[in-house]
Amino acid sequence: MHLCAFPEGTRSKTGRLLPFKNGVYKMASKVGAPIIPLSIVAAGEAHPSSWMFPRRSCRGICKVVVHEPIESNDKTEAELAELVRAAVIDGLPEHQRPLE
């Protein structure tokens, strides 16, 4: 079974990456499943957070960057969270990266 999760829990109003919630890492650690991080570039421009489905069609093009899988077997939830977040940030342009 494959599961797709969005660890931010909501859409960003600014287009910058939000903090991640821990549920994804808990699930992966519990079953020993790898996580395949995805960076979604320009989603906020193609479909702004103020738009609701299906009232308006999307505009523009998004790019999805697929990163190498990160194994969860030998990592704590905190280590897994750090590695996944770093991979996602690495695939984003500067204007979507968090202001950390």
PDB file of N, CA and C in Angstrom:
ATOM      1  N   MET A   1       0.849  -1.164   0.000  1.00  0.00           N
ATOM      2  CA  MET A   1       0.000   0.000   0.000  1.00  0.00           C
ATOM      3  C   MET A   1       0.902   1.237   0.000  1.00  0.00           C
ATOM      4  N   HIS A   2       0.528   2.217  -0.800  1.00  0.00           N
ATOM      5  CA  HIS A   2       1.249   3.483  -0.846  1.00  0.00           C
ATOM      6  C   HIS A   2       0.372   4.565  -0.237  1.00  0.00           C
ATOM      7  N   LEU A   3       0.997   5.507   0.433  1.00  0.00           N
ATOM      8  CA  LEU A   3       0.279   6.595   1.076  1.00  0.00           C
ATOM      9  C   LEU A   3       0.918   7.917   0.683  1.00  0.00           C
ATOM     10  N   CYS A   4       0.121   8.865   0.294  1.00  0.00           N
ATOM     11  CA  CYS A   4       0.609  10.207  -0.013  1.00  0.00           C
ATOM     12  C   CYS A   4       0.129  11.124   1.103  1.00  0.00           C
ATOM     13  N   ALA A   5       1.054  11.844   1.715  1.00  0.00           N
ATOM     14  CA  ALA A   5       0.701  12.747   2.813  1.00  0.00           C
ATOM     15  C   ALA A   5       1.373  14.093   2.603  1.00  0.00           C
ATOM     16  N   PHE A   6       0.720  15.126   3.060  1.00  0.00           N
ATOM     17  CA  PHE A   6       1.261  16.476   2.983  1.00  0.00           C
ATOM     18  C   PHE A   6       1.559  16.917   4.415  1.00  0.00           C
ATOM     19  N   PRO A   7       2.820  16.833   4.843  1.00  0.00           N
ATOM     20  CA  PRO A   7       3.152  17.029   6.254  1.00  0.00           C
ATOM     21  C   PRO A   7       2.951  18.439   6.782  1.00  0.00           C
ATOM     22  N   GLU A   8       2.728  19.428   5.911  1.00  0.00           N
ATOM     23  CA  GLU A   8       2.453  20.777   6.408  1.00  0.00           C
ATOM     24  C   GLU A   8       1.061  20.855   7.040  1.00  0.00           C
ATOM     25  N   GLY A   9       0.151  20.020   6.575  1.00  0.00           N
ATOM     26  CA  GLY A   9      -1.190  19.982   7.144  1.00  0.00           C
ATOM     27  C   GLY A   9      -2.149  21.012   6.575  1.00  0.00           C
ATOM     28  N   THR A  10      -1.651  22.001   5.867  1.00  0.00           N
ATOM     29  CA  THR A  10      -2.471  23.035   5.250  1.00  0.00           C
ATOM     30  C   THR A  10      -1.676  23.686   4.133  1.00  0.00           C
ATOM     31  N   ARG A  11      -2.316  24.544   3.384  1.00  0.00           N
ATOM     32  CA  ARG A  11      -1.624  25.223   2.291  1.00  0.00           C
ATOM     33  C   ARG A  11      -1.037  26.535   2.785  1.00  0.00           C
ATOM     34  N   SER A  12       0.129  26.867   2.289  1.00  0.00           N
ATOM     35  CA  SER A  12       0.820  28.089   2.655  1.00  0.00           C
ATOM     36  C   SER A  12       0.171  29.292   1.981  1.00  0.00           C
ATOM     37  N   LYS A  13      -0.063  30.342   2.744  1.00  0.00           N
ATOM     38  CA  LYS A  13      -0.626  31.572   2.169  1.00  0.00           C
ATOM     39  C   LYS A  13       0.453  32.418   1.494  1.00  0.00           C
ATOM     40  N   THR A  14       1.711  32.222   1.883  1.00  0.00           N
ATOM     41  CA  THR A  14       2.820  33.005   1.327  1.00  0.00           C
ATOM     42  C   THR A  14       3.557  32.272   0.221  1.00  0.00           C
ATOM     43  N   GLY A  15       3.349  30.962   0.091  1.00  0.00           N
ATOM     44  CA  GLY A  15       4.088  30.167  -0.882  1.00  0.00           C
ATOM     45  C   GLY A  15       5.354  29.561  -0.304  1.00  0.00           C
ATOM     46  N   ARG A  16       5.721  29.975   0.909  1.00  0.00           N
ATOM     47  CA  ARG A  16       6.902  29.411   1.565  1.00  0.00           C
ATOM     48  C   ARG A  16       6.518  28.139   2.325  1.00  0.00           C
ATOM     49  N   LEU A  17       7.485  27.240   2.423  1.00  0.00           N
ATOM     50  CA  LEU A  17       7.274  25.970   3.118  1.00  0.00           C
ATOM     51  C   LEU A  17       6.948  26.221   4.584  1.00  0.00           C
ATOM     52  N   LEU A  18       5.910  25.563   5.088  1.00  0.00           N
ATOM     53  CA  LEU A  18       5.495  25.679   6.481  1.00  0.00           C
ATOM     54  C   LEU A  18       6.158  24.583   7.315  1.00  0.00           C
ATOM     55  N   PRO A  19       6.089  24.700   8.649  1.00  0.00           N
ATOM     56  CA  PRO A  19       6.597  23.615   9.506  1.00  0.00           C
ATOM     57  C   PRO A  19       5.834  22.323   9.229  1.00  0.00           C
ATOM     58  N   PHE A  20       6.516  21.201   9.395  1.00  0.00           N
ATOM     59  CA  PHE A  20       5.904  19.891   9.180  1.00  0.00           C
ATOM     60  C   PHE A  20       5.311  19.369  10.483  1.00  0.00           C
ATOM     61  N   LYS A  21       4.235  18.628  10.359  1.00  0.00           N
ATOM     62  CA  LYS A  21       3.649  17.921  11.495  1.00  0.00           C
ATOM     63  C   LYS A  21       4.284  16.524  11.549  1.00  0.00           C
ATOM     64  N   ASN A  22       4.155  15.835  12.660  1.00  0.00           N
ATOM     65  CA  ASN A  22       4.897  14.584  12.885  1.00  0.00           C
ATOM     66  C   ASN A  22       4.203  13.300  12.439  1.00  0.00           C
ATOM     67  N   GLY A  23       2.940  13.355  12.051  1.00  0.00           N
ATOM     68  CA  GLY A  23       2.193  12.133  11.745  1.00  0.00           C
ATOM     69  C   GLY A  23       2.826  11.250  10.683  1.00  0.00           C
ATOM     70  N   VAL A  24       3.373  11.859   9.651  1.00  0.00           N
ATOM     71  CA  VAL A  24       3.995  11.099   8.559  1.00  0.00           C
ATOM     72  C   VAL A  24       5.165  10.265   9.090  1.00  0.00           C
ATOM     73  N   TYR A  25       5.968  10.858   9.942  1.00  0.00           N
ATOM     74  CA  TYR A  25       7.155  10.173  10.469  1.00  0.00           C
ATOM     75  C   TYR A  25       6.763   9.078  11.447  1.00  0.00           C
ATOM     76  N   LYS A  26       5.715   9.297  12.225  1.00  0.00           N
ATOM     77  CA  LYS A  26       5.229   8.273  13.140  1.00  0.00           C
ATOM     78  C   LYS A  26       4.755   7.039  12.362  1.00  0.00           C
ATOM     79  N   MET A  27       3.982   7.286  11.285  1.00  0.00           N
ATOM     80  CA  MET A  27       3.479   6.172  10.483  1.00  0.00           C
ATOM     81  C   MET A  27       4.626   5.403   9.835  1.00  0.00           C
ATOM     82  N   ALA A  28       5.568   6.111   9.227  1.00  0.00           N
ATOM     83  CA  ALA A  28       6.679   5.450   8.539  1.00  0.00           C
ATOM     84  C   ALA A  28       7.538   4.668   9.519  1.00  0.00           C
ATOM     85  N   SER A  29       7.846   5.259  10.670  1.00  0.00           N
ATOM     86  CA  SER A  29       8.675   4.576  11.674  1.00  0.00           C
ATOM     87  C   SER A  29       7.988   3.323  12.196  1.00  0.00           C
ATOM     88  N   LYS A  30       6.700   3.425  12.430  1.00  0.00           N
ATOM     89  CA  LYS A  30       5.957   2.305  13.001  1.00  0.00           C
ATOM     90  C   LYS A  30       5.986   1.064  12.112  1.00  0.00           C
ATOM     91  N   VAL A  31       5.895   1.256  10.800  1.00  0.00           N
ATOM     92  CA  VAL A  31       5.871   0.113   9.890  1.00  0.00           C
ATOM     93  C   VAL A  31       7.199  -0.110   9.167  1.00  0.00           C
ATOM     94  N   GLY A  32       8.182   0.770   9.398  1.00  0.00           N
ATOM     95  CA  GLY A  32       9.485   0.619   8.755  1.00  0.00           C
ATOM     96  C   GLY A  32       9.469   0.939   7.267  1.00  0.00           C
ATOM     97  N   ALA A  33       8.578   1.820   6.863  1.00  0.00           N
ATOM     98  CA  ALA A  33       8.439   2.165   5.442  1.00  0.00           C
ATOM     99  C   ALA A  33       9.357   3.328   5.068  1.00  0.00           C
ATOM    100  N   PRO A  34       9.871   3.314   3.856  1.00  0.00           N
ATOM    101  CA  PRO A  34      10.662   4.459   3.403  1.00  0.00           C
ATOM    102  C   PRO A  34       9.749   5.638   3.081  1.00  0.00           C
ATOM    103  N   ILE A  35      10.319   6.822   3.113  1.00  0.00           N
ATOM    104  CA  ILE A  35       9.604   8.034   2.709  1.00  0.00           C
ATOM    105  C   ILE A  35      10.284   8.561   1.452  1.00  0.00           C
ATOM    106  N   ILE A  36       9.491   8.867   0.453  1.00  0.00           N
ATOM    107  CA  ILE A  36      10.016   9.476  -0.771  1.00  0.00           C
ATOM    108  C   ILE A  36       9.613  10.948  -0.751  1.00  0.00           C
ATOM    109  N   PRO A  37      10.549  11.831  -0.409  1.00  0.00           N
ATOM    110  CA  PRO A  37      10.225  13.257  -0.348  1.00  0.00           C
ATOM    111  C   PRO A  37       9.928  13.821  -1.737  1.00  0.00           C
ATOM    112  N   LEU A  38       8.953  14.707  -1.798  1.00  0.00           N
ATOM    113  CA  LEU A  38       8.600  15.404  -3.032  1.00  0.00           C
ATOM    114  C   LEU A  38       8.624  16.900  -2.761  1.00  0.00           C
ATOM    115  N   SER A  39       9.232  17.650  -3.663  1.00  0.00           N
ATOM    116  CA  SER A  39       9.190  19.108  -3.598  1.00  0.00           C
ATOM    117  C   SER A  39       8.251  19.558  -4.709  1.00  0.00           C
ATOM    118  N   ILE A  40       7.232  20.330  -4.358  1.00  0.00           N
ATOM    119  CA  ILE A  40       6.286  20.817  -5.364  1.00  0.00           C
ATOM    120  C   ILE A  40       6.574  22.298  -5.594  1.00  0.00           C
ATOM    121  N   VAL A  41       7.068  22.599  -6.778  1.00  0.00           N
ATOM    122  CA  VAL A  41       7.477  23.957  -7.126  1.00  0.00           C
ATOM    123  C   VAL A  41       6.326  24.676  -7.828  1.00  0.00           C
ATOM    124  N   ALA A  42       5.997  25.861  -7.351  1.00  0.00           N
ATOM    125  CA  ALA A  42       5.011  26.765  -7.946  1.00  0.00           C
ATOM    126  C   ALA A  42       3.561  26.331  -7.785  1.00  0.00           C
ATOM    127  N   ALA A  43       3.253  25.480  -6.831  1.00  0.00           N
ATOM    128  CA  ALA A  43       1.862  25.067  -6.621  1.00  0.00           C
ATOM    129  C   ALA A  43       1.007  26.263  -6.213  1.00  0.00           C
ATOM    130  N   GLY A  44       1.545  27.147  -5.393  1.00  0.00           N
ATOM    131  CA  GLY A  44       0.792  28.314  -4.944  1.00  0.00           C
ATOM    132  C   GLY A  44       0.508  29.313  -6.044  1.00  0.00           C
ATOM    133  N   GLU A  45       1.356  29.323  -7.054  1.00  0.00           N
ATOM    134  CA  GLU A  45       1.134  30.215  -8.193  1.00  0.00           C
ATOM    135  C   GLU A  45       0.108  29.611  -9.154  1.00  0.00           C
ATOM    136  N   ALA A  46       0.167  28.299  -9.325  1.00  0.00           N
ATOM    137  CA  ALA A  46      -0.767  27.624 -10.223  1.00  0.00           C
ATOM    138  C   ALA A  46      -2.158  27.531  -9.614  1.00  0.00           C
ATOM    139  N   HIS A  47      -2.215  27.346  -8.308  1.00  0.00           N
ATOM    140  CA  HIS A  47      -3.498  27.217  -7.618  1.00  0.00           C
ATOM    141  C   HIS A  47      -3.385  27.895  -6.250  1.00  0.00           C
ATOM    142  N   PRO A  48      -3.610  29.217  -6.175  1.00  0.00           N
ATOM    143  CA  PRO A  48      -3.467  29.955  -4.912  1.00  0.00           C
ATOM    144  C   PRO A  48      -4.315  29.373  -3.783  1.00  0.00           C
ATOM    145  N   SER A  49      -3.863  29.567  -2.556  1.00  0.00           N
ATOM    146  CA  SER A  49      -4.557  28.993  -1.396  1.00  0.00           C
ATOM    147  C   SER A  49      -5.965  29.544  -1.229  1.00  0.00           C
ATOM    148  N   SER A  50      -6.261  30.685  -1.819  1.00  0.00           N
ATOM    149  CA  SER A  50      -7.602  31.260  -1.709  1.00  0.00           C
ATOM    150  C   SER A  50      -8.610  30.587  -2.644  1.00  0.00           C
ATOM    151  N   TRP A  51      -8.138  29.783  -3.589  1.00  0.00           N
ATOM    152  CA  TRP A  51      -9.039  29.095  -4.523  1.00  0.00           C
ATOM    153  C   TRP A  51      -9.534  27.804  -3.898  1.00  0.00           C
ATOM    154  N   MET A  52     -10.794  27.512  -4.121  1.00  0.00           N
ATOM    155  CA  MET A  52     -11.366  26.259  -3.632  1.00  0.00           C
ATOM    156  C   MET A  52     -11.671  25.348  -4.818  1.00  0.00           C
ATOM    157  N   PHE A  53     -11.513  24.052  -4.637  1.00  0.00           N
ATOM    158  CA  PHE A  53     -11.850  23.089  -5.677  1.00  0.00           C
ATOM    159  C   PHE A  53     -13.356  22.997  -5.797  1.00  0.00           C
ATOM    160  N   PRO A  54     -13.966  22.790  -6.882  1.00  0.00           N
ATOM    161  CA  PRO A  54     -13.475  22.924  -8.250  1.00  0.00           C
ATOM    162  C   PRO A  54     -13.916  24.243  -8.887  1.00  0.00           C
ATOM    163  N   ARG A  55     -14.083  25.279  -8.102  1.00  0.00           N
ATOM    164  CA  ARG A  55     -14.647  26.542  -8.599  1.00  0.00           C
ATOM    165  C   ARG A  55     -13.861  27.164  -9.740  1.00  0.00           C
ATOM    166  N   ARG A  56     -12.564  27.058  -9.707  1.00  0.00           N
ATOM    167  CA  ARG A  56     -11.745  27.677 -10.744  1.00  0.00           C
ATOM    168  C   ARG A  56     -10.731  26.674 -11.268  1.00  0.00           C
ATOM    169  N   SER A  57     -10.390  26.812 -12.517  1.00  0.00           N
ATOM    170  CA  SER A  57      -9.353  25.940 -13.062  1.00  0.00           C
ATOM    171  C   SER A  57      -7.991  26.501 -12.689  1.00  0.00           C
ATOM    172  N   CYS A  58      -7.002  25.655 -12.718  1.00  0.00           N
ATOM    173  CA  CYS A  58      -5.637  26.057 -12.368  1.00  0.00           C
ATOM    174  C   CYS A  58      -5.032  26.906 -13.471  1.00  0.00           C
ATOM    175  N   ARG A  59      -4.044  27.686 -13.089  1.00  0.00           N
ATOM    176  CA  ARG A  59      -3.299  28.460 -14.073  1.00  0.00           C
ATOM    177  C   ARG A  59      -1.817  28.189 -13.845  1.00  0.00           C
ATOM    178  N   GLY A  60      -1.070  28.090 -14.915  1.00  0.00           N
ATOM    179  CA  GLY A  60       0.366  27.881 -14.784  1.00  0.00           C
ATOM    180  C   GLY A  60       0.756  26.421 -14.711  1.00  0.00           C
ATOM    181  N   ILE A  61       2.020  26.231 -14.462  1.00  0.00           N
ATOM    182  CA  ILE A  61       2.589  24.887 -14.441  1.00  0.00           C
ATOM    183  C   ILE A  61       3.366  24.689 -13.156  1.00  0.00           C
ATOM    184  N   CYS A  62       3.201  23.533 -12.557  1.00  0.00           N
ATOM    185  CA  CYS A  62       3.963  23.145 -11.369  1.00  0.00           C
ATOM    186  C   CYS A  62       5.029  22.141 -11.781  1.00  0.00           C
ATOM    187  N   LYS A  63       6.035  22.027 -10.954  1.00  0.00           N
ATOM    188  CA  LYS A  63       7.074  21.025 -11.166  1.00  0.00           C
ATOM    189  C   LYS A  63       7.179  20.207  -9.884  1.00  0.00           C
ATOM    190  N   VAL A  64       7.242  18.903 -10.020  1.00  0.00           N
ATOM    191  CA  VAL A  64       7.410  18.021  -8.870  1.00  0.00           C
ATOM    192  C   VAL A  64       8.798  17.410  -8.938  1.00  0.00           C
ATOM    193  N   VAL A  65       9.570  17.625  -7.884  1.00  0.00           N
ATOM    194  CA  VAL A  65      10.915  17.060  -7.789  1.00  0.00           C
ATOM    195  C   VAL A  65      10.822  15.828  -6.892  1.00  0.00           C
ATOM    196  N   VAL A  66      11.167  14.673  -7.443  1.00  0.00           N
ATOM    197  CA  VAL A  66      11.130  13.415  -6.693  1.00  0.00           C
ATOM    198  C   VAL A  66      12.536  13.131  -6.174  1.00  0.00           C
ATOM    199  N   HIS A  67      12.662  13.034  -4.866  1.00  0.00           N
ATOM    200  CA  HIS A  67      13.962  12.800  -4.235  1.00  0.00           C
ATOM    201  C   HIS A  67      14.166  11.307  -3.968  1.00  0.00           C
ATOM    202  N   GLU A  68      15.368  10.953  -3.642  1.00  0.00           N
ATOM    203  CA  GLU A  68      15.690   9.559  -3.306  1.00  0.00           C
ATOM    204  C   GLU A  68      14.927   9.141  -2.044  1.00  0.00           C
ATOM    205  N   PRO A  69      14.486   7.893  -1.974  1.00  0.00           N
ATOM    206  CA  PRO A  69      13.794   7.418  -0.768  1.00  0.00           C
ATOM    207  C   PRO A  69      14.697   7.509   0.462  1.00  0.00           C
ATOM    208  N   ILE A  70      14.088   7.771   1.593  1.00  0.00           N
ATOM    209  CA  ILE A  70      14.799   7.804   2.871  1.00  0.00           C
ATOM    210  C   ILE A  70      14.244   6.674   3.720  1.00  0.00           C
ATOM    211  N   GLU A  71      15.108   5.731   4.057  1.00  0.00           N
ATOM    212  CA  GLU A  71      14.686   4.583   4.866  1.00  0.00           C
ATOM    213  C   GLU A  71      14.403   5.023   6.294  1.00  0.00           C
ATOM    214  N   SER A  72      13.383   4.450   6.901  1.00  0.00           N
ATOM    215  CA  SER A  72      13.013   4.827   8.264  1.00  0.00           C
ATOM    216  C   SER A  72      13.446   3.805   9.314  1.00  0.00           C
ATOM    217  N   ASN A  73      13.886   2.634   8.882  1.00  0.00           N
ATOM    218  CA  ASN A  73      14.204   1.545   9.819  1.00  0.00           C
ATOM    219  C   ASN A  73      15.205   1.909  10.905  1.00  0.00           C
ATOM    220  N   ASP A  74      16.275   2.591  10.546  1.00  0.00           N
ATOM    221  CA  ASP A  74      17.361   2.823  11.497  1.00  0.00           C
ATOM    222  C   ASP A  74      17.393   4.263  12.025  1.00  0.00           C
ATOM    223  N   LYS A  75      16.264   4.976  11.951  1.00  0.00           N
ATOM    224  CA  LYS A  75      16.236   6.382  12.339  1.00  0.00           C
ATOM    225  C   LYS A  75      15.125   6.662  13.341  1.00  0.00           C
ATOM    226  N   THR A  76      15.378   7.651  14.188  1.00  0.00           N
ATOM    227  CA  THR A  76      14.317   8.116  15.077  1.00  0.00           C
ATOM    228  C   THR A  76      13.359   8.983  14.257  1.00  0.00           C
ATOM    229  N   GLU A  77      12.209   9.278  14.812  1.00  0.00           N
ATOM    230  CA  GLU A  77      11.258  10.149  14.119  1.00  0.00           C
ATOM    231  C   GLU A  77      11.867  11.524  13.881  1.00  0.00           C
ATOM    232  N   ALA A  78      12.630  12.021  14.842  1.00  0.00           N
ATOM    233  CA  ALA A  78      13.262  13.343  14.707  1.00  0.00           C
ATOM    234  C   ALA A  78      14.307  13.341  13.589  1.00  0.00           C
ATOM    235  N   GLU A  79      15.106  12.282  13.504  1.00  0.00           N
ATOM    236  CA  GLU A  79      16.113  12.186  12.437  1.00  0.00           C
ATOM    237  C   GLU A  79      15.435  12.102  11.072  1.00  0.00           C
ATOM    238  N   LEU A  80      14.393  11.312  11.005  1.00  0.00           N
ATOM    239  CA  LEU A  80      13.648  11.142   9.761  1.00  0.00           C
ATOM    240  C   LEU A  80      13.040  12.485   9.330  1.00  0.00           C
ATOM    241  N   ALA A  81      12.444  13.194  10.273  1.00  0.00           N
ATOM    242  CA  ALA A  81      11.843  14.499   9.979  1.00  0.00           C
ATOM    243  C   ALA A  81      12.884  15.474   9.447  1.00  0.00           C
ATOM    244  N   GLU A  82      14.042  15.492  10.051  1.00  0.00           N
ATOM    245  CA  GLU A  82      15.108  16.397   9.623  1.00  0.00           C
ATOM    246  C   GLU A  82      15.590  16.072   8.206  1.00  0.00           C
ATOM    247  N   LEU A  83      15.778  14.800   7.913  1.00  0.00           N
ATOM    248  CA  LEU A  83      16.248  14.392   6.586  1.00  0.00           C
ATOM    249  C   LEU A  83      15.219  14.670   5.489  1.00  0.00           C
ATOM    250  N   VAL A  84      13.955  14.379   5.782  1.00  0.00           N
ATOM    251  CA  VAL A  84      12.901  14.600   4.788  1.00  0.00           C
ATOM    252  C   VAL A  84      12.733  16.089   4.528  1.00  0.00           C
ATOM    253  N   ARG A  85      12.688  16.880   5.569  1.00  0.00           N
ATOM    254  CA  ARG A  85      12.516  18.334   5.405  1.00  0.00           C
ATOM    255  C   ARG A  85      13.687  18.934   4.627  1.00  0.00           C
ATOM    256  N   ALA A  86      14.903  18.496   4.924  1.00  0.00           N
ATOM    257  CA  ALA A  86      16.082  19.000   4.201  1.00  0.00           C
ATOM    258  C   ALA A  86      15.995  18.655   2.713  1.00  0.00           C
ATOM    259  N   ALA A  87      15.538  17.454   2.406  1.00  0.00           N
ATOM    260  CA  ALA A  87      15.403  17.051   0.999  1.00  0.00           C
ATOM    261  C   ALA A  87      14.362  17.903   0.291  1.00  0.00           C
ATOM    262  N   VAL A  88      13.215  18.116   0.938  1.00  0.00           N
ATOM    263  CA  VAL A  88      12.151  18.924   0.331  1.00  0.00           C
ATOM    264  C   VAL A  88      12.642  20.347   0.093  1.00  0.00           C
ATOM    265  N   ILE A  89      13.300  20.936   1.078  1.00  0.00           N
ATOM    266  CA  ILE A  89      13.817  22.307   0.948  1.00  0.00           C
ATOM    267  C   ILE A  89      14.831  22.391  -0.185  1.00  0.00           C
ATOM    268  N   ASP A  90      15.662  21.376  -0.312  1.00  0.00           N
ATOM    269  CA  ASP A  90      16.691  21.354  -1.358  1.00  0.00           C
ATOM    270  C   ASP A  90      16.089  21.437  -2.763  1.00  0.00           C
ATOM    271  N   GLY A  91      14.882  20.928  -2.936  1.00  0.00           N
ATOM    272  CA  GLY A  91      14.246  20.927  -4.242  1.00  0.00           C
ATOM    273  C   GLY A  91      13.421  22.163  -4.551  1.00  0.00           C
ATOM    274  N   LEU A  92      13.355  23.099  -3.607  1.00  0.00           N
ATOM    275  CA  LEU A  92      12.543  24.296  -3.804  1.00  0.00           C
ATOM    276  C   LEU A  92      13.386  25.492  -4.224  1.00  0.00           C
ATOM    277  N   PRO A  93      12.798  26.403  -5.010  1.00  0.00           N
ATOM    278  CA  PRO A  93      13.505  27.640  -5.327  1.00  0.00           C
ATOM    279  C   PRO A  93      13.566  28.531  -4.076  1.00  0.00           C
ATOM    280  N   GLU A  94      14.430  29.489  -4.077  1.00  0.00           N
ATOM    281  CA  GLU A  94      14.655  30.347  -2.910  1.00  0.00           C
ATOM    282  C   GLU A  94      13.365  30.994  -2.388  1.00  0.00           C
ATOM    283  N   HIS A  95      12.483  31.432  -3.277  1.00  0.00           N
ATOM    284  CA  HIS A  95      11.271  32.137  -2.832  1.00  0.00           C
ATOM    285  C   HIS A  95      10.230  31.219  -2.171  1.00  0.00           C
ATOM    286  N   GLN A  96      10.455  29.912  -2.211  1.00  0.00           N
ATOM    287  CA  GLN A  96       9.550  28.981  -1.528  1.00  0.00           C
ATOM    288  C   GLN A  96      10.170  28.382  -0.276  1.00  0.00           C
ATOM    289  N   ARG A  97      11.436  28.642  -0.057  1.00  0.00           N
ATOM    290  CA  ARG A  97      12.089  28.087   1.128  1.00  0.00           C
ATOM    291  C   ARG A  97      11.668  28.845   2.374  1.00  0.00           C
ATOM    292  N   PRO A  98      11.651  28.143   3.513  1.00  0.00           N
ATOM    293  CA  PRO A  98      11.231  28.813   4.762  1.00  0.00           C
ATOM    294  C   PRO A  98      12.263  29.883   5.168  1.00  0.00           C
ATOM    295  N   LEU A  99      11.808  30.859   5.905  1.00  0.00           N
ATOM    296  CA  LEU A  99      12.676  31.924   6.407  1.00  0.00           C
ATOM    297  C   LEU A  99      13.290  31.518   7.746  1.00  0.00           C
ATOM    298  N   GLU A 100      14.084  30.472   7.750  1.00  0.00           N
ATOM    299  CA  GLU A 100      14.672  29.959   8.997  1.00  0.00           C
ATOM    300  C   GLU A 100      16.074  30.464   9.161  1.00  0.00           C
TER     301      GLU A 100
END
